[in-house]
Amino acid sequence: MELRGLIGNRLLLLPSVAAVIHDHAGNLLLQEKASEEGWSLPAGAIEPGETPQEAVVREVAEETGLVVSADKIVGVFGGRDFRYTYPNGHSVEYLVTLFKCQVLRKLGSLMRSSAMPRSSIANIDGSVMSSRSSSRPALKIGCKRLRRPTRGWLV
């Protein structure tokens, strides 16, 4: 039986990862999800048997078509501020390991995969590399220059 079948909509703790990727000019790689959730870092759940480092490399490749190295842990975040209730009523609390990553190369064959979400993938400098289409929701990848706060900047 599926876990949600056993626990219903009760709060579930989800170990997950996210990637901080900057280009040479300091632009931060972000993705805009079609679900109107706004811009976010490449991120996702850690699969059973997978290390956090393996998970962040896999998630970045799946979501952006980039191969990265997970260079260092920037921080680990969780708690009430990381709770979310999905439209179907499922409640989760993410425990996120945030990694500073470096781009090693692009995955050319993955970029053309029809199994990937429809998206426009941008080079780390923000120029568009390719577009894909499928029945899955759209995802835009791009770089945004963010103004750094004077305190609390982790990366």
C-alpha atoms as a PDB file:
ATOM      1  CA  MET A   1       0.000   0.000   0.000  1.00  0.00           C
ATOM      2  CA  GLU A   2       1.192   3.516  -0.767  1.00  0.00           C
ATOM      3  CA  LEU A   3       2.376   5.611   2.194  1.00  0.00           C
ATOM      4  CA  ARG A   4      -0.347   8.241   1.687  1.00  0.00           C
ATOM      5  CA  GLY A   5      -2.925   5.453   1.765  1.00  0.00           C
ATOM      6  CA  LEU A   6      -1.727   4.632   5.259  1.00  0.00           C
ATOM      7  CA  ILE A   7      -1.304   8.144   6.687  1.00  0.00           C
ATOM      8  CA  GLY A   8      -3.813  10.183   4.662  1.00  0.00           C
ATOM      9  CA  ASN A   9      -3.106  13.914   4.649  1.00  0.00           C
ATOM     10  CA  ARG A  10      -1.032  13.883   7.845  1.00  0.00           C
ATOM     11  CA  LEU A  11       2.225  15.836   7.866  1.00  0.00           C
ATOM     12  CA  LEU A  12       5.073  13.974   6.187  1.00  0.00           C
ATOM     13  CA  LEU A  13       8.752  14.937   6.593  1.00  0.00           C
ATOM     14  CA  LEU A  14      10.507  14.915   3.187  1.00  0.00           C
ATOM     15  CA  PRO A  15      14.300  14.911   2.917  1.00  0.00           C
ATOM     16  CA  SER A  16      15.201  17.021  -0.101  1.00  0.00           C
ATOM     17  CA  VAL A  17      17.976  18.974  -1.786  1.00  0.00           C
ATOM     18  CA  ALA A  18      18.394  22.270  -3.626  1.00  0.00           C
ATOM     19  CA  ALA A  19      21.216  23.684  -5.744  1.00  0.00           C
ATOM     20  CA  VAL A  20      22.776  27.139  -5.739  1.00  0.00           C
ATOM     21  CA  ILE A  21      24.460  27.647  -9.121  1.00  0.00           C
ATOM     22  CA  HIS A  22      26.101  30.940 -10.112  1.00  0.00           C
ATOM     23  CA  ASP A  23      27.708  31.890 -13.394  1.00  0.00           C
ATOM     24  CA  HIS A  24      30.971  33.853 -13.684  1.00  0.00           C
ATOM     25  CA  ALA A  25      29.052  37.156 -13.385  1.00  0.00           C
ATOM     26  CA  GLY A  26      27.280  36.159 -10.171  1.00  0.00           C
ATOM     27  CA  ASN A  27      23.901  35.403 -11.772  1.00  0.00           C
ATOM     28  CA  LEU A  28      21.899  32.787  -9.899  1.00  0.00           C
ATOM     29  CA  LEU A  29      20.279  29.950 -11.875  1.00  0.00           C
ATOM     30  CA  LEU A  30      16.542  29.833 -11.141  1.00  0.00           C
ATOM     31  CA  GLN A  31      13.563  28.040 -12.633  1.00  0.00           C
ATOM     32  CA  GLU A  32      10.028  29.321 -13.048  1.00  0.00           C
ATOM     33  CA  LYS A  33       7.445  26.598 -12.686  1.00  0.00           C
ATOM     34  CA  ALA A  34       4.277  26.699 -14.770  1.00  0.00           C
ATOM     35  CA  SER A  35       2.192  25.932 -11.680  1.00  0.00           C
ATOM     36  CA  GLU A  36       2.347  29.639 -10.769  1.00  0.00           C
ATOM     37  CA  GLU A  37       4.620  28.885  -7.803  1.00  0.00           C
ATOM     38  CA  GLY A  38       7.161  31.454  -8.970  1.00  0.00           C
ATOM     39  CA  TRP A  39      10.935  31.182  -9.315  1.00  0.00           C
ATOM     40  CA  SER A  40      12.957  28.643  -7.355  1.00  0.00           C
ATOM     41  CA  LEU A  41      16.280  26.883  -7.193  1.00  0.00           C
ATOM     42  CA  PRO A  42      16.582  23.491  -8.872  1.00  0.00           C
ATOM     43  CA  ALA A  43      15.421  21.134  -6.136  1.00  0.00           C
ATOM     44  CA  GLY A  44      13.719  17.854  -5.334  1.00  0.00           C
ATOM     45  CA  ALA A  45      13.341  14.861  -3.064  1.00  0.00           C
ATOM     46  CA  ILE A  46      16.072  12.443  -2.085  1.00  0.00           C
ATOM     47  CA  GLU A  47      15.198   8.985  -3.433  1.00  0.00           C
ATOM     48  CA  PRO A  48      15.555   5.867  -1.223  1.00  0.00           C
ATOM     49  CA  GLY A  49      19.171   4.685  -1.169  1.00  0.00           C
ATOM     50  CA  GLU A  50      20.464   7.945  -2.669  1.00  0.00           C
ATOM     51  CA  THR A  51      22.916  10.271  -0.922  1.00  0.00           C
ATOM     52  CA  PRO A  52      22.067  13.984  -0.773  1.00  0.00           C
ATOM     53  CA  GLN A  53      24.999  14.691  -3.134  1.00  0.00           C
ATOM     54  CA  GLU A  54      23.700  12.150  -5.665  1.00  0.00           C
ATOM     55  CA  ALA A  55      20.196  13.597  -5.345  1.00  0.00           C
ATOM     56  CA  VAL A  56      21.224  17.190  -6.068  1.00  0.00           C
ATOM     57  CA  VAL A  57      23.272  16.147  -9.103  1.00  0.00           C
ATOM     58  CA  ARG A  58      20.312  14.080 -10.407  1.00  0.00           C
ATOM     59  CA  GLU A  59      17.725  16.798  -9.756  1.00  0.00           C
ATOM     60  CA  VAL A  60      19.777  19.498 -11.493  1.00  0.00           C
ATOM     61  CA  ALA A  61      20.299  17.223 -14.516  1.00  0.00           C
ATOM     62  CA  GLU A  62      16.588  16.314 -14.673  1.00  0.00           C
ATOM     63  CA  GLU A  63      15.371  19.879 -14.313  1.00  0.00           C
ATOM     64  CA  THR A  64      17.991  21.832 -16.271  1.00  0.00           C
ATOM     65  CA  GLY A  65      19.992  19.432 -18.427  1.00  0.00           C
ATOM     66  CA  LEU A  66      23.194  20.512 -16.659  1.00  0.00           C
ATOM     67  CA  VAL A  67      25.739  18.188 -15.048  1.00  0.00           C
ATOM     68  CA  VAL A  68      27.018  19.694 -11.808  1.00  0.00           C
ATOM     69  CA  SER A  69      29.349  18.875  -8.975  1.00  0.00           C
ATOM     70  CA  ALA A  70      28.031  19.338  -5.448  1.00  0.00           C
ATOM     71  CA  ASP A  71      30.951  21.287  -4.006  1.00  0.00           C
ATOM     72  CA  LYS A  72      29.815  22.105  -0.484  1.00  0.00           C
ATOM     73  CA  ILE A  73      26.816  22.213   1.807  1.00  0.00           C
ATOM     74  CA  VAL A  74      25.647  25.785   2.275  1.00  0.00           C
ATOM     75  CA  GLY A  75      23.122  24.914   4.952  1.00  0.00           C
ATOM     76  CA  VAL A  76      20.358  22.605   6.119  1.00  0.00           C
ATOM     77  CA  PHE A  77      16.889  24.088   6.477  1.00  0.00           C
ATOM     78  CA  GLY A  78      13.571  22.850   7.807  1.00  0.00           C
ATOM     79  CA  GLY A  79      10.890  23.451  10.360  1.00  0.00           C
ATOM     80  CA  ARG A  80       7.530  25.199  10.229  1.00  0.00           C
ATOM     81  CA  ASP A  81       8.665  27.683   7.558  1.00  0.00           C
ATOM     82  CA  PHE A  82       9.201  24.740   5.189  1.00  0.00           C
ATOM     83  CA  ARG A  83       5.703  23.270   5.496  1.00  0.00           C
ATOM     84  CA  TYR A  84       3.424  23.146   2.497  1.00  0.00           C
ATOM     85  CA  THR A  85      -0.043  21.777   1.828  1.00  0.00           C
ATOM     86  CA  TYR A  86      -0.632  20.687  -1.755  1.00  0.00           C
ATOM     87  CA  PRO A  87      -3.978  21.335  -3.460  1.00  0.00           C
ATOM     88  CA  ASN A  88      -4.905  17.657  -2.899  1.00  0.00           C
ATOM     89  CA  GLY A  89      -4.553  18.210   0.878  1.00  0.00           C
ATOM     90  CA  HIS A  90      -1.267  16.354   1.384  1.00  0.00           C
ATOM     91  CA  SER A  91       0.836  18.129   4.026  1.00  0.00           C
ATOM     92  CA  VAL A  92       4.626  18.010   3.904  1.00  0.00           C
ATOM     93  CA  GLU A  93       7.532  19.556   5.726  1.00  0.00           C
ATOM     94  CA  TYR A  94      10.731  19.719   3.710  1.00  0.00           C
ATOM     95  CA  LEU A  95      14.135  19.172   5.277  1.00  0.00           C
ATOM     96  CA  VAL A  96      16.391  20.754   2.642  1.00  0.00           C
ATOM     97  CA  THR A  97      20.134  20.297   2.250  1.00  0.00           C
ATOM     98  CA  LEU A  98      21.307  23.268   0.171  1.00  0.00           C
ATOM     99  CA  PHE A  99      24.398  22.705  -1.973  1.00  0.00           C
ATOM    100  CA  LYS A 100      26.709  25.131  -3.760  1.00  0.00           C
ATOM    101  CA  CYS A 101      27.204  23.532  -7.191  1.00  0.00           C
ATOM    102  CA  GLN A 102      29.434  24.099 -10.208  1.00  0.00           C
ATOM    103  CA  VAL A 103      28.400  23.375 -13.790  1.00  0.00           C
ATOM    104  CA  LEU A 104      30.602  20.726 -15.403  1.00  0.00           C
ATOM    105  CA  ARG A 105      28.811  20.326 -18.742  1.00  0.00           C
ATOM    106  CA  LYS A 106      25.444  20.151 -20.505  1.00  0.00           C
ATOM    107  CA  LEU A 107      23.596  16.889 -21.125  1.00  0.00           C
ATOM    108  CA  GLY A 108      22.903  17.121 -24.863  1.00  0.00           C
ATOM    109  CA  SER A 109      20.923  13.886 -25.122  1.00  0.00           C
ATOM    110  CA  LEU A 110      18.843  14.710 -22.049  1.00  0.00           C
ATOM    111  CA  MET A 111      18.070  18.129 -23.456  1.00  0.00           C
ATOM    112  CA  ARG A 112      16.205  16.507 -26.376  1.00  0.00           C
ATOM    113  CA  SER A 113      14.323  13.922 -24.338  1.00  0.00           C
ATOM    114  CA  SER A 114      10.563  13.989 -24.845  1.00  0.00           C
ATOM    115  CA  ALA A 115      10.132  12.588 -21.325  1.00  0.00           C
ATOM    116  CA  MET A 116      11.369  15.872 -19.879  1.00  0.00           C
ATOM    117  CA  PRO A 117       8.967  18.708 -19.012  1.00  0.00           C
ATOM    118  CA  ARG A 118       8.290  21.231 -21.754  1.00  0.00           C
ATOM    119  CA  SER A 119      10.668  24.071 -21.118  1.00  0.00           C
ATOM    120  CA  SER A 120      13.076  26.615 -22.414  1.00  0.00           C
ATOM    121  CA  ILE A 121      16.525  25.871 -21.073  1.00  0.00           C
ATOM    122  CA  ALA A 122      18.945  28.739 -20.779  1.00  0.00           C
ATOM    123  CA  ASN A 123      22.703  28.674 -20.766  1.00  0.00           C
ATOM    124  CA  ILE A 124      24.199  29.699 -17.460  1.00  0.00           C
ATOM    125  CA  ASP A 125      24.495  33.179 -19.042  1.00  0.00           C
ATOM    126  CA  GLY A 126      20.740  33.221 -19.698  1.00  0.00           C
ATOM    127  CA  SER A 127      20.765  32.679 -23.473  1.00  0.00           C
ATOM    128  CA  VAL A 128      18.267  30.051 -24.650  1.00  0.00           C
ATOM    129  CA  MET A 129      19.762  26.695 -25.659  1.00  0.00           C
ATOM    130  CA  SER A 130      16.693  24.699 -26.724  1.00  0.00           C
ATOM    131  CA  SER A 131      12.988  24.082 -26.225  1.00  0.00           C
ATOM    132  CA  ARG A 132      11.198  20.828 -25.495  1.00  0.00           C
ATOM    133  CA  SER A 133       7.563  19.859 -25.402  1.00  0.00           C
ATOM    134  CA  SER A 134       5.567  17.095 -23.765  1.00  0.00           C
ATOM    135  CA  SER A 135       2.360  16.695 -21.844  1.00  0.00           C
ATOM    136  CA  ARG A 136       4.022  17.719 -18.563  1.00  0.00           C
ATOM    137  CA  PRO A 137       3.839  21.298 -17.202  1.00  0.00           C
ATOM    138  CA  ALA A 138       6.128  23.972 -18.566  1.00  0.00           C
ATOM    139  CA  LEU A 139       9.303  24.986 -16.799  1.00  0.00           C
ATOM    140  CA  LYS A 140      11.493  27.970 -17.635  1.00  0.00           C
ATOM    141  CA  ILE A 141      15.132  28.104 -16.633  1.00  0.00           C
ATOM    142  CA  GLY A 142      17.002  31.370 -16.512  1.00  0.00           C
ATOM    143  CA  CYS A 143      19.504  33.441 -14.634  1.00  0.00           C
ATOM    144  CA  LYS A 144      18.531  36.376 -12.481  1.00  0.00           C
ATOM    145  CA  ARG A 145      20.834  38.931 -10.938  1.00  0.00           C
ATOM    146  CA  LEU A 146      19.831  39.238  -7.279  1.00  0.00           C
ATOM    147  CA  ARG A 147      20.740  42.081  -4.990  1.00  0.00           C
ATOM    148  CA  ARG A 148      22.528  40.629  -2.001  1.00  0.00           C
ATOM    149  CA  PRO A 149      21.221  41.586   1.432  1.00  0.00           C
ATOM    150  CA  THR A 150      23.726  43.080   3.839  1.00  0.00           C
ATOM    151  CA  ARG A 151      23.148  40.327   6.405  1.00  0.00           C
ATOM    152  CA  GLY A 152      22.203  36.682   6.183  1.00  0.00           C
ATOM    153  CA  TRP A 153      23.574  36.034   2.674  1.00  0.00           C
ATOM    154  CA  LEU A 154      24.707  32.410   2.703  1.00  0.00           C
ATOM    155  CA  VAL A 155      26.254  31.916  -0.701  1.00  0.00           C
END
